[in-house]
Amino acid sequence: MEPVALTQADQRQVQGLLTQLEGAVVREARLSPLGGSWISVELGRSLLFVNMAAWRLESDTDFLAACEDDREQMGRMITELDGRRLESVEVSRHLDLTLTFEGLRLLLFACTGPDGDDEHWSLQLATGETLFAGPGDSWTLAQSQ
């Protein structure tokens, strides 16, 4: 499927796919061993990969970590998501995400990579489909291989 520019109808469709995750418990959230600030979050039987998106982890009162922090700090703080239930998820017009967990929020901000053709994040759904966000305001839903 070719990438599609995000319209309001598309935003509602993407939101509908993401809403399936609400209530899932984080089995494991980790910083990629490959370097950089890539993270993965295993939510029930779905898997979120964050690659070309800035991110911040926060509570209602504290700033815990962000994508440009020291790798040790990022790695330690991202595991704070482990065992927490996803209460809600919202997608913006530009494919930014706000994931609200019990006591914490993970905010993702879509970025343009050096080549301009990178995905911001992707989500492997339990249904066997993968949602790719990016490049830009485009998205693709594909059957997983």
C-alpha atoms as a PDB file:
ATOM      1  CA  MET A   1       0.000   0.000   0.000  1.00  0.00           C
ATOM      2  CA  GLU A   2       1.275   3.460  -0.872  1.00  0.00           C
ATOM      3  CA  PRO A   3       1.707   5.995   1.955  1.00  0.00           C
ATOM      4  CA  VAL A   4      -1.334   8.207   2.458  1.00  0.00           C
ATOM      5  CA  ALA A   5      -1.352  11.839   3.643  1.00  0.00           C
ATOM      6  CA  LEU A   6      -3.206  12.076   6.955  1.00  0.00           C
ATOM      7  CA  THR A   7      -6.694  13.582   6.626  1.00  0.00           C
ATOM      8  CA  GLN A   8      -9.161  13.954   9.497  1.00  0.00           C
ATOM      9  CA  ALA A   9     -10.827  10.710   8.416  1.00  0.00           C
ATOM     10  CA  ASP A  10      -7.430   9.000   8.357  1.00  0.00           C
ATOM     11  CA  GLN A  11      -6.613  10.410  11.773  1.00  0.00           C
ATOM     12  CA  ARG A  12      -9.834   8.834  13.092  1.00  0.00           C
ATOM     13  CA  GLN A  13      -8.896   5.521  11.434  1.00  0.00           C
ATOM     14  CA  VAL A  14      -5.391   5.557  12.947  1.00  0.00           C
ATOM     15  CA  GLN A  15      -6.909   6.539  16.316  1.00  0.00           C
ATOM     16  CA  GLY A  16      -9.266   3.563  16.037  1.00  0.00           C
ATOM     17  CA  LEU A  17      -6.350   1.194  15.468  1.00  0.00           C
ATOM     18  CA  LEU A  18      -4.471   2.658  18.433  1.00  0.00           C
ATOM     19  CA  THR A  19      -7.507   2.502  20.719  1.00  0.00           C
ATOM     20  CA  GLN A  20      -7.294  -1.313  20.479  1.00  0.00           C
ATOM     21  CA  LEU A  21      -4.231  -1.040  22.732  1.00  0.00           C
ATOM     22  CA  GLU A  22      -6.043   0.630  25.627  1.00  0.00           C
ATOM     23  CA  GLY A  23      -6.061  -1.614  28.673  1.00  0.00           C
ATOM     24  CA  ALA A  24      -2.946  -3.530  27.569  1.00  0.00           C
ATOM     25  CA  VAL A  25      -0.153  -3.930  30.100  1.00  0.00           C
ATOM     26  CA  VAL A  26       3.459  -3.168  29.173  1.00  0.00           C
ATOM     27  CA  ARG A  27       5.336  -6.451  29.196  1.00  0.00           C
ATOM     28  CA  GLU A  28       8.653  -4.806  28.410  1.00  0.00           C
ATOM     29  CA  ALA A  29       9.871  -1.326  27.445  1.00  0.00           C
ATOM     30  CA  ARG A  30      13.503  -1.048  26.375  1.00  0.00           C
ATOM     31  CA  LEU A  31      16.053   1.260  24.813  1.00  0.00           C
ATOM     32  CA  SER A  32      17.489  -0.271  21.649  1.00  0.00           C
ATOM     33  CA  PRO A  33      20.902  -1.907  22.081  1.00  0.00           C
ATOM     34  CA  LEU A  34      21.771  -0.603  18.589  1.00  0.00           C
ATOM     35  CA  GLY A  35      22.427   2.897  19.922  1.00  0.00           C
ATOM     36  CA  GLY A  36      20.623   6.181  19.583  1.00  0.00           C
ATOM     37  CA  SER A  37      17.345   6.765  21.335  1.00  0.00           C
ATOM     38  CA  TRP A  38      15.195   4.111  19.643  1.00  0.00           C
ATOM     39  CA  ILE A  39      12.813   2.398  22.012  1.00  0.00           C
ATOM     40  CA  SER A  40      10.444  -0.548  21.887  1.00  0.00           C
ATOM     41  CA  VAL A  41       7.370  -1.046  24.035  1.00  0.00           C
ATOM     42  CA  GLU A  42       5.674  -4.441  24.154  1.00  0.00           C
ATOM     43  CA  LEU A  43       1.996  -3.812  24.921  1.00  0.00           C
ATOM     44  CA  GLY A  44       0.201  -7.093  25.446  1.00  0.00           C
ATOM     45  CA  ARG A  45       0.483  -8.847  22.074  1.00  0.00           C
ATOM     46  CA  SER A  46       1.389  -5.657  20.168  1.00  0.00           C
ATOM     47  CA  LEU A  47       4.798  -4.039  19.746  1.00  0.00           C
ATOM     48  CA  LEU A  48       5.530  -0.324  19.346  1.00  0.00           C
ATOM     49  CA  PHE A  49       8.857   0.689  17.794  1.00  0.00           C
ATOM     50  CA  VAL A  50       9.959   4.317  18.072  1.00  0.00           C
ATOM     51  CA  ASN A  51      12.745   5.187  15.645  1.00  0.00           C
ATOM     52  CA  MET A  52      12.549   8.644  14.023  1.00  0.00           C
ATOM     53  CA  ALA A  53      10.564  10.428  16.719  1.00  0.00           C
ATOM     54  CA  ALA A  54      11.672  12.531  19.626  1.00  0.00           C
ATOM     55  CA  TRP A  55      10.176  11.308  22.878  1.00  0.00           C
ATOM     56  CA  ARG A  56       9.700  12.302  26.490  1.00  0.00           C
ATOM     57  CA  LEU A  57       8.644  10.248  29.504  1.00  0.00           C
ATOM     58  CA  GLU A  58       6.948  12.193  32.284  1.00  0.00           C
ATOM     59  CA  SER A  59       4.709  11.898  35.292  1.00  0.00           C
ATOM     60  CA  ASP A  60       2.196  14.496  36.430  1.00  0.00           C
ATOM     61  CA  THR A  61       4.920  16.130  38.511  1.00  0.00           C
ATOM     62  CA  ASP A  62       8.287  15.122  37.040  1.00  0.00           C
ATOM     63  CA  PHE A  63      10.224  15.069  33.787  1.00  0.00           C
ATOM     64  CA  LEU A  64      11.775  11.566  33.838  1.00  0.00           C
ATOM     65  CA  ALA A  65      13.711  11.160  30.593  1.00  0.00           C
ATOM     66  CA  ALA A  66      13.878  12.258  26.971  1.00  0.00           C
ATOM     67  CA  CYS A  67      15.470  11.049  23.759  1.00  0.00           C
ATOM     68  CA  GLU A  68      18.564  13.249  24.058  1.00  0.00           C
ATOM     69  CA  ASP A  69      19.410  12.272  27.640  1.00  0.00           C
ATOM     70  CA  ASP A  70      22.333  10.101  28.668  1.00  0.00           C
ATOM     71  CA  ARG A  71      21.745   6.531  27.398  1.00  0.00           C
ATOM     72  CA  GLU A  72      22.048   5.090  30.893  1.00  0.00           C
ATOM     73  CA  GLN A  73      19.360   7.486  32.158  1.00  0.00           C
ATOM     74  CA  MET A  74      17.096   6.763  29.168  1.00  0.00           C
ATOM     75  CA  GLY A  75      17.505   3.019  29.559  1.00  0.00           C
ATOM     76  CA  ARG A  76      16.813   3.076  33.280  1.00  0.00           C
ATOM     77  CA  MET A  77      13.769   5.343  33.071  1.00  0.00           C
ATOM     78  CA  ILE A  78      12.043   3.711  30.078  1.00  0.00           C
ATOM     79  CA  THR A  79      11.758   0.488  32.104  1.00  0.00           C
ATOM     80  CA  GLU A  80       9.476   2.416  34.481  1.00  0.00           C
ATOM     81  CA  LEU A  81       6.730   1.590  31.956  1.00  0.00           C
ATOM     82  CA  ASP A  82       7.050  -2.155  32.655  1.00  0.00           C
ATOM     83  CA  GLY A  83       3.896  -3.572  34.221  1.00  0.00           C
ATOM     84  CA  ARG A  84       1.836  -0.405  33.717  1.00  0.00           C
ATOM     85  CA  ARG A  85      -1.547  -0.467  32.013  1.00  0.00           C
ATOM     86  CA  LEU A  86      -2.139   1.794  28.992  1.00  0.00           C
ATOM     87  CA  GLU A  87      -5.075   4.005  29.908  1.00  0.00           C
ATOM     88  CA  SER A  88      -5.369   6.012  26.691  1.00  0.00           C
ATOM     89  CA  VAL A  89      -3.607   6.859  23.454  1.00  0.00           C
ATOM     90  CA  GLU A  90      -4.081   9.889  21.212  1.00  0.00           C
ATOM     91  CA  VAL A  91      -2.679  10.630  17.764  1.00  0.00           C
ATOM     92  CA  SER A  92      -2.268  14.164  16.407  1.00  0.00           C
ATOM     93  CA  ARG A  93      -2.695  15.419  12.858  1.00  0.00           C
ATOM     94  CA  HIS A  94       1.075  15.059  12.408  1.00  0.00           C
ATOM     95  CA  LEU A  95       1.285  11.528  13.871  1.00  0.00           C
ATOM     96  CA  ASP A  96       2.595  12.604  17.277  1.00  0.00           C
ATOM     97  CA  LEU A  97       1.418  10.202  19.990  1.00  0.00           C
ATOM     98  CA  THR A  98       0.492  10.643  23.617  1.00  0.00           C
ATOM     99  CA  LEU A  99       0.366   7.333  25.471  1.00  0.00           C
ATOM    100  CA  THR A 100      -1.020   7.636  28.983  1.00  0.00           C
ATOM    101  CA  PHE A 101      -0.150   4.834  31.366  1.00  0.00           C
ATOM    102  CA  GLU A 102      -0.921   4.410  35.040  1.00  0.00           C
ATOM    103  CA  GLY A 103       1.003   7.369  36.517  1.00  0.00           C
ATOM    104  CA  LEU A 104       3.164   8.095  33.441  1.00  0.00           C
ATOM    105  CA  ARG A 105       2.933   9.587  29.937  1.00  0.00           C
ATOM    106  CA  LEU A 106       5.090   8.756  26.932  1.00  0.00           C
ATOM    107  CA  LEU A 107       4.963  11.522  24.326  1.00  0.00           C
ATOM    108  CA  LEU A 108       6.259  10.923  20.789  1.00  0.00           C
ATOM    109  CA  PHE A 109       6.997  13.791  18.412  1.00  0.00           C
ATOM    110  CA  ALA A 110       7.346  12.959  14.710  1.00  0.00           C
ATOM    111  CA  CYS A 111      10.686  14.079  13.219  1.00  0.00           C
ATOM    112  CA  THR A 112      12.108  14.198   9.734  1.00  0.00           C
ATOM    113  CA  GLY A 113      15.213  12.058   9.356  1.00  0.00           C
ATOM    114  CA  PRO A 114      18.314  13.044   7.395  1.00  0.00           C
ATOM    115  CA  ASP A 115      16.903  11.471   4.217  1.00  0.00           C
ATOM    116  CA  GLY A 116      13.336  12.604   4.861  1.00  0.00           C
ATOM    117  CA  ASP A 117      11.990   9.115   4.190  1.00  0.00           C
ATOM    118  CA  ASP A 118      12.082   7.539   7.652  1.00  0.00           C
ATOM    119  CA  GLU A 119       9.119   6.237   9.631  1.00  0.00           C
ATOM    120  CA  HIS A 120       8.530   7.998  12.940  1.00  0.00           C
ATOM    121  CA  TRP A 121       7.168   4.923  14.673  1.00  0.00           C
ATOM    122  CA  SER A 122       5.527   1.634  13.819  1.00  0.00           C
ATOM    123  CA  LEU A 123       3.113  -0.626  15.617  1.00  0.00           C
ATOM    124  CA  GLN A 124       2.830  -4.362  15.088  1.00  0.00           C
ATOM    125  CA  LEU A 125      -0.751  -5.166  16.054  1.00  0.00           C
ATOM    126  CA  ALA A 126      -1.966  -8.469  17.481  1.00  0.00           C
ATOM    127  CA  THR A 127      -4.205  -8.723  14.372  1.00  0.00           C
ATOM    128  CA  GLY A 128      -1.142  -9.344  12.189  1.00  0.00           C
ATOM    129  CA  GLU A 129      -1.159  -5.852  10.706  1.00  0.00           C
ATOM    130  CA  THR A 130       1.574  -3.239  11.062  1.00  0.00           C
ATOM    131  CA  LEU A 131       0.857   0.470  11.182  1.00  0.00           C
ATOM    132  CA  PHE A 132       3.728   2.621   9.880  1.00  0.00           C
ATOM    133  CA  ALA A 133       3.673   6.321  10.773  1.00  0.00           C
ATOM    134  CA  GLY A 134       5.681   8.489   8.408  1.00  0.00           C
ATOM    135  CA  PRO A 135       7.494   9.746   6.572  1.00  0.00           C
ATOM    136  CA  GLY A 136       5.969  13.152   7.118  1.00  0.00           C
ATOM    137  CA  ASP A 137       2.204  13.086   7.638  1.00  0.00           C
ATOM    138  CA  SER A 138       1.792   9.813   5.738  1.00  0.00           C
ATOM    139  CA  TRP A 139       0.859   6.426   7.120  1.00  0.00           C
ATOM    140  CA  THR A 140       0.594   2.872   5.865  1.00  0.00           C
ATOM    141  CA  LEU A 141      -1.249  -0.164   7.208  1.00  0.00           C
ATOM    142  CA  ALA A 142       0.210  -3.412   5.946  1.00  0.00           C
ATOM    143  CA  GLN A 143      -0.249  -7.094   6.653  1.00  0.00           C
ATOM    144  CA  SER A 144       2.759  -8.338   8.644  1.00  0.00           C
ATOM    145  CA  GLN A 145       4.981 -10.867   6.940  1.00  0.00           C
END
